């Protein structure tokens, strides 16, 4: 049965053309979504890099450093020439499967206040806007207001993603220069965060932590559309997976933008 790609944020699942390399621990894919593909699938144009690894899902802690280093290099590549970096942790900190952005935020070594504030030529700063239901304010409004004041070279947005295959939960780290639409994977669309809307280069990084119940059903039988939009599924040990993914992403960001060794 043909997959419904509207329920995935992962470019490797909706694009067949990709470059691939494998070092034994990490498989690296790079996908470019052109205008034709964007119109056909309703996905944003841009470059997407995916680092696939079984390290987190299998708790191979000794490999976390390699994944962090690889992700750090990828982030540097996508944010080349950007010295003023603002990281935004999206999601609901009270919902474990959606708390990745908040967990990363809490592990960042911010330094804008130590390097001259508004006068600083290079810095890392961060914020977490929580969710509309908690604050009554759209994430976009908070982010755009702070960015207008701080004036970073790039905004790096961190969020949990949705996959179209159960095997990608906590096994793929995606980086893209296309930005992100918060909640798009679970059909709770908020205003898009990208260069066009914010006026600033926007790079997003995330890990799939949920799938639709219908995705699981589809693996065995015809998809039950009644499940679509009403139920998403996440692993029972999602709290551990989120924490470990947050360690890797925060370590990569600290290493890439803060001249500090990654702490995993």
Protein backbone atom coordinates (compact mmCIF):
# COMPACT_ATOMS: atom_id res chain seq x y z
CA UNK A 1 0.00 0.00 0.00
CA UNK A 2 1.34 3.47 -0.89
CA UNK A 3 2.52 5.47 2.10
CA UNK A 4 0.88 8.74 3.08
CA UNK A 5 3.82 11.11 3.36
CA UNK A 6 1.76 13.84 5.00
CA UNK A 7 2.32 12.02 8.30
CA UNK A 8 6.12 12.25 8.22
CA UNK A 9 8.68 15.01 8.71
CA UNK A 10 11.52 12.85 7.41
CA UNK A 11 12.85 13.70 3.94
CA UNK A 12 14.45 10.26 3.53
CA UNK A 13 10.93 8.83 3.63
CA UNK A 14 9.39 11.03 0.95
CA UNK A 15 12.39 11.47 -1.41
CA UNK A 16 13.98 8.59 -3.32
CA UNK A 17 17.09 10.45 -4.54
CA UNK A 18 19.72 10.66 -1.84
CA UNK A 19 23.46 10.49 -1.36
CA UNK A 20 24.57 7.87 1.11
CA UNK A 21 27.63 6.92 3.09
CA UNK A 22 28.06 4.51 5.99
CA UNK A 23 30.90 4.44 8.53
CA UNK A 24 29.59 1.41 10.40
CA UNK A 25 27.91 3.46 13.15
CA UNK A 26 26.19 6.24 11.20
CA UNK A 27 24.46 6.20 7.84
CA UNK A 28 24.40 9.63 6.25
CA UNK A 29 21.77 10.72 3.72
CA UNK A 30 21.43 14.08 1.98
CA UNK A 31 18.26 14.99 0.12
CA UNK A 32 17.36 18.10 -1.86
CA UNK A 33 13.67 18.87 -2.20
CA UNK A 34 13.22 20.89 -5.40
CA UNK A 35 10.18 22.93 -6.40
CA UNK A 36 8.62 20.08 -8.38
CA UNK A 37 8.88 17.65 -5.45
CA UNK A 38 7.66 20.35 -3.09
CA UNK A 39 4.51 20.96 -5.15
CA UNK A 40 3.85 17.23 -5.55
CA UNK A 41 4.25 16.27 -1.89
CA UNK A 42 3.50 19.54 -0.14
CA UNK A 43 6.91 19.54 1.56
CA UNK A 44 9.17 22.62 1.88
CA UNK A 45 12.04 23.13 -0.56
CA UNK A 46 15.54 22.83 0.84
CA UNK A 47 18.41 20.57 1.79
CA UNK A 48 17.87 17.79 4.31
CA UNK A 49 20.62 15.78 5.98
CA UNK A 50 19.79 12.66 7.98
CA UNK A 51 22.15 10.78 10.28
CA UNK A 52 20.80 7.32 11.02
CA UNK A 53 22.20 5.30 13.91
CA UNK A 54 21.03 2.55 16.26
CA UNK A 55 23.19 3.93 19.08
CA UNK A 56 20.37 5.54 21.07
CA UNK A 57 17.67 2.94 20.54
CA UNK A 58 20.13 0.20 21.56
CA UNK A 59 21.75 2.26 24.35
CA UNK A 60 25.24 1.98 22.87
CA UNK A 61 26.58 4.88 24.95
CA UNK A 62 30.13 4.41 23.66
CA UNK A 63 28.95 5.55 20.22
CA UNK A 64 27.24 8.73 21.42
CA UNK A 65 30.43 10.76 21.03
CA UNK A 66 30.75 9.78 17.37
CA UNK A 67 27.13 10.71 16.70
CA UNK A 68 27.59 14.04 18.47
CA UNK A 69 30.70 14.85 16.44
CA UNK A 70 28.99 13.94 13.17
CA UNK A 71 25.93 16.03 14.01
CA UNK A 72 28.15 18.95 15.05
CA UNK A 73 29.93 18.89 11.68
CA UNK A 74 26.58 18.75 9.90
CA UNK A 75 25.28 21.77 11.83
CA UNK A 76 28.45 23.72 11.07
CA UNK A 77 27.99 22.97 7.38
CA UNK A 78 24.37 24.13 7.36
CA UNK A 79 25.19 27.25 9.41
CA UNK A 80 28.43 28.16 7.65
CA UNK A 81 29.46 31.78 8.24
CA UNK A 82 26.98 32.27 11.09
CA UNK A 83 28.67 33.50 14.29
CA UNK A 84 25.62 34.76 16.19
CA UNK A 85 23.42 31.76 16.94
CA UNK A 86 20.04 31.64 18.66
CA UNK A 87 18.72 28.16 19.52
CA UNK A 88 15.00 27.63 20.02
CA UNK A 89 13.69 24.57 21.84
CA UNK A 90 10.15 23.87 20.64
CA UNK A 91 7.55 21.59 22.15
CA UNK A 92 5.70 20.92 25.38
CA UNK A 93 8.08 20.27 28.30
CA UNK A 94 5.28 18.52 30.21
CA UNK A 95 4.72 15.92 27.46
CA UNK A 96 7.72 13.61 27.33
CA UNK A 97 7.51 12.69 23.65
CA UNK A 98 7.34 16.41 22.80
CA UNK A 99 9.96 17.61 25.29
CA UNK A 100 13.08 17.23 23.14
CA UNK A 101 13.44 20.95 22.46
CA UNK A 102 13.14 21.82 26.14
CA UNK A 103 15.62 19.10 27.19
CA UNK A 104 18.17 20.37 24.65
CA UNK A 105 17.59 23.97 25.78
CA UNK A 106 18.41 23.07 29.39
CA UNK A 107 21.76 21.52 28.38
CA UNK A 108 23.09 24.38 26.26
CA UNK A 109 26.13 26.40 27.32
CA UNK A 110 24.86 29.86 26.37
CA UNK A 111 27.37 32.70 26.42
CA UNK A 112 25.85 35.81 24.85
CA UNK A 113 25.72 37.51 28.26
CA UNK A 114 29.43 36.77 28.73
CA UNK A 115 30.66 37.95 25.34
CA UNK A 116 29.32 41.50 25.21
CA UNK A 117 25.59 41.06 24.65
CA UNK A 118 24.43 43.32 21.81
CA UNK A 119 28.05 44.18 20.97
CA UNK A 120 29.20 40.57 20.73
CA UNK A 121 30.49 39.41 17.36
CA UNK A 122 30.02 35.73 18.22
CA UNK A 123 27.68 34.08 20.69
CA UNK A 124 25.21 31.31 21.52
CA UNK A 125 21.89 32.18 23.12
CA UNK A 126 18.68 30.23 23.54
CA UNK A 127 15.01 30.32 24.44
CA UNK A 128 12.09 27.95 24.76
CA UNK A 129 8.65 29.42 23.97
CA UNK A 130 6.61 26.47 25.31
CA UNK A 131 3.32 25.86 23.48
CA UNK A 132 0.29 28.00 22.65
CA UNK A 133 -1.95 26.11 25.07
CA UNK A 134 0.34 27.01 27.98
CA UNK A 135 1.28 30.60 27.13
CA UNK A 136 -1.57 31.84 24.95
CA UNK A 137 1.08 33.16 22.56
CA UNK A 138 2.14 31.61 19.26
CA UNK A 139 5.71 30.32 19.23
CA UNK A 140 6.30 32.34 16.07
CA UNK A 141 5.39 35.60 17.82
CA UNK A 142 7.79 34.94 20.70
CA UNK A 143 10.63 33.83 18.45
CA UNK A 144 10.25 36.67 15.94
CA UNK A 145 10.09 39.28 18.71
CA UNK A 146 13.25 38.00 20.43
CA UNK A 147 15.09 37.55 17.13
CA UNK A 148 14.23 41.14 16.16
CA UNK A 149 15.89 42.29 19.36
CA UNK A 150 18.85 39.88 19.44
CA UNK A 151 19.50 39.88 15.67
CA UNK A 152 21.25 36.49 15.31
CA UNK A 153 22.84 35.29 12.06
CA UNK A 154 20.93 32.02 12.27
CA UNK A 155 18.11 30.49 14.29
CA UNK A 156 18.54 26.79 15.08
CA UNK A 157 15.19 25.23 15.94
CA UNK A 158 15.03 21.92 17.84
CA UNK A 159 11.87 19.82 17.88
CA UNK A 160 10.57 16.25 18.00
CA UNK A 161 9.51 14.88 14.61
CA UNK A 162 7.05 12.34 13.25
CA UNK A 163 8.08 9.39 11.07
CA UNK A 164 6.23 7.16 8.62
CA UNK A 165 8.08 4.05 9.82
CA UNK A 166 8.34 2.73 13.36
CA UNK A 167 11.97 1.76 12.76
CA UNK A 168 13.02 5.41 12.57
CA UNK A 169 11.93 6.34 16.08
CA UNK A 170 15.00 7.63 17.94
CA UNK A 171 17.29 6.35 15.18
CA UNK A 172 17.51 9.39 12.88
CA UNK A 173 18.75 12.95 13.41
CA UNK A 174 17.55 15.30 10.66
CA UNK A 175 19.03 18.72 9.88
CA UNK A 176 17.47 21.00 7.26
CA UNK A 177 17.78 24.57 6.04
CA UNK A 178 14.07 24.64 5.16
CA UNK A 179 12.98 25.57 8.68
CA UNK A 180 10.05 23.85 10.36
CA UNK A 181 6.31 24.03 10.86
CA UNK A 182 5.67 23.25 14.55
CA UNK A 183 3.14 20.45 14.98
CA UNK A 184 2.94 19.61 11.28
CA UNK A 185 3.70 15.94 11.81
CA UNK A 186 0.67 15.49 14.05
CA UNK A 187 -1.60 17.81 12.05
CA UNK A 188 -1.48 20.61 14.64
CA UNK A 189 0.01 23.15 12.25
CA UNK A 190 1.29 26.44 13.66
CA UNK A 191 2.87 29.30 11.74
CA UNK A 192 5.96 28.20 9.85
CA UNK A 193 9.43 29.13 11.08
CA UNK A 194 11.81 29.74 8.18
CA UNK A 195 13.90 32.44 6.51
CA UNK A 196 10.90 33.79 4.62
CA UNK A 197 8.74 34.26 7.72
CA UNK A 198 11.44 35.32 10.19
CA UNK A 199 13.80 37.16 7.85
CA UNK A 200 16.72 35.18 9.28
CA UNK A 201 18.38 31.96 8.13
CA UNK A 202 16.59 29.15 9.95
CA UNK A 203 17.96 25.63 10.41
CA UNK A 204 16.01 22.92 12.18
CA UNK A 205 17.24 19.74 13.86
CA UNK A 206 15.07 16.99 15.23
CA UNK A 207 14.51 13.31 15.93
CA UNK A 208 11.35 11.29 15.16
CA UNK A 209 9.84 10.19 18.46
CA UNK A 210 6.27 9.36 17.47
CA UNK A 211 4.35 7.65 14.65
CA UNK A 212 0.66 7.47 13.88
CA UNK A 213 -1.20 4.42 15.12
CA UNK A 214 -2.24 4.01 11.50
CA UNK A 215 1.43 3.69 10.53
CA UNK A 216 1.70 0.59 12.71
CA UNK A 217 -1.59 -0.79 11.39
CA UNK A 218 -0.42 -0.22 7.81
CA UNK A 219 2.60 -2.45 8.42
CA UNK A 220 0.22 -5.38 8.79
CA UNK A 221 -3.02 -4.55 7.05
CA UNK A 222 -4.95 -1.85 5.27
CA UNK A 223 -4.73 1.47 7.05
CA UNK A 224 -7.68 2.43 9.24
CA UNK A 225 -8.26 6.08 8.40
CA UNK A 226 -10.38 6.46 11.54
CA UNK A 227 -7.17 6.32 13.55
CA UNK A 228 -5.54 9.10 11.58
CA UNK A 229 -5.21 12.36 13.49
CA UNK A 230 -6.60 10.95 16.72
CA UNK A 231 -3.82 8.75 18.03
CA UNK A 232 -0.04 8.83 17.93
CA UNK A 233 2.24 6.20 19.41
CA UNK A 234 5.60 6.48 21.15
CA UNK A 235 7.86 3.87 22.84
CA UNK A 236 7.36 3.02 26.50
CA UNK A 237 10.92 4.11 27.30
CA UNK A 238 10.53 7.44 25.50
CA UNK A 239 11.78 9.36 28.56
CA UNK A 240 15.19 7.69 28.26
CA UNK A 241 15.27 8.10 24.48
CA UNK A 242 14.42 11.82 24.69
CA UNK A 243 17.10 12.42 27.32
CA UNK A 244 19.78 10.61 25.32
CA UNK A 245 18.84 12.37 22.07
CA UNK A 246 18.93 15.69 23.93
CA UNK A 247 22.43 14.92 25.19
CA UNK A 248 23.63 14.29 21.65
CA UNK A 249 21.95 17.34 20.10
CA UNK A 250 22.96 19.76 22.85
CA UNK A 251 26.51 18.41 22.75
CA UNK A 252 26.61 18.94 18.99
CA UNK A 253 25.31 22.50 19.29
CA UNK A 254 27.72 23.38 22.09
CA UNK A 255 30.61 21.94 20.10
CA UNK A 256 29.59 23.62 16.84
CA UNK A 257 28.86 27.12 18.12
CA UNK A 258 30.39 27.58 21.54
CA UNK A 259 34.03 26.53 21.07
CA UNK A 260 33.53 23.97 23.82
CA UNK A 261 33.98 20.22 23.73
CA UNK A 262 30.73 18.32 23.50
CA UNK A 263 29.60 16.92 26.84
CA UNK A 264 27.75 13.64 26.42
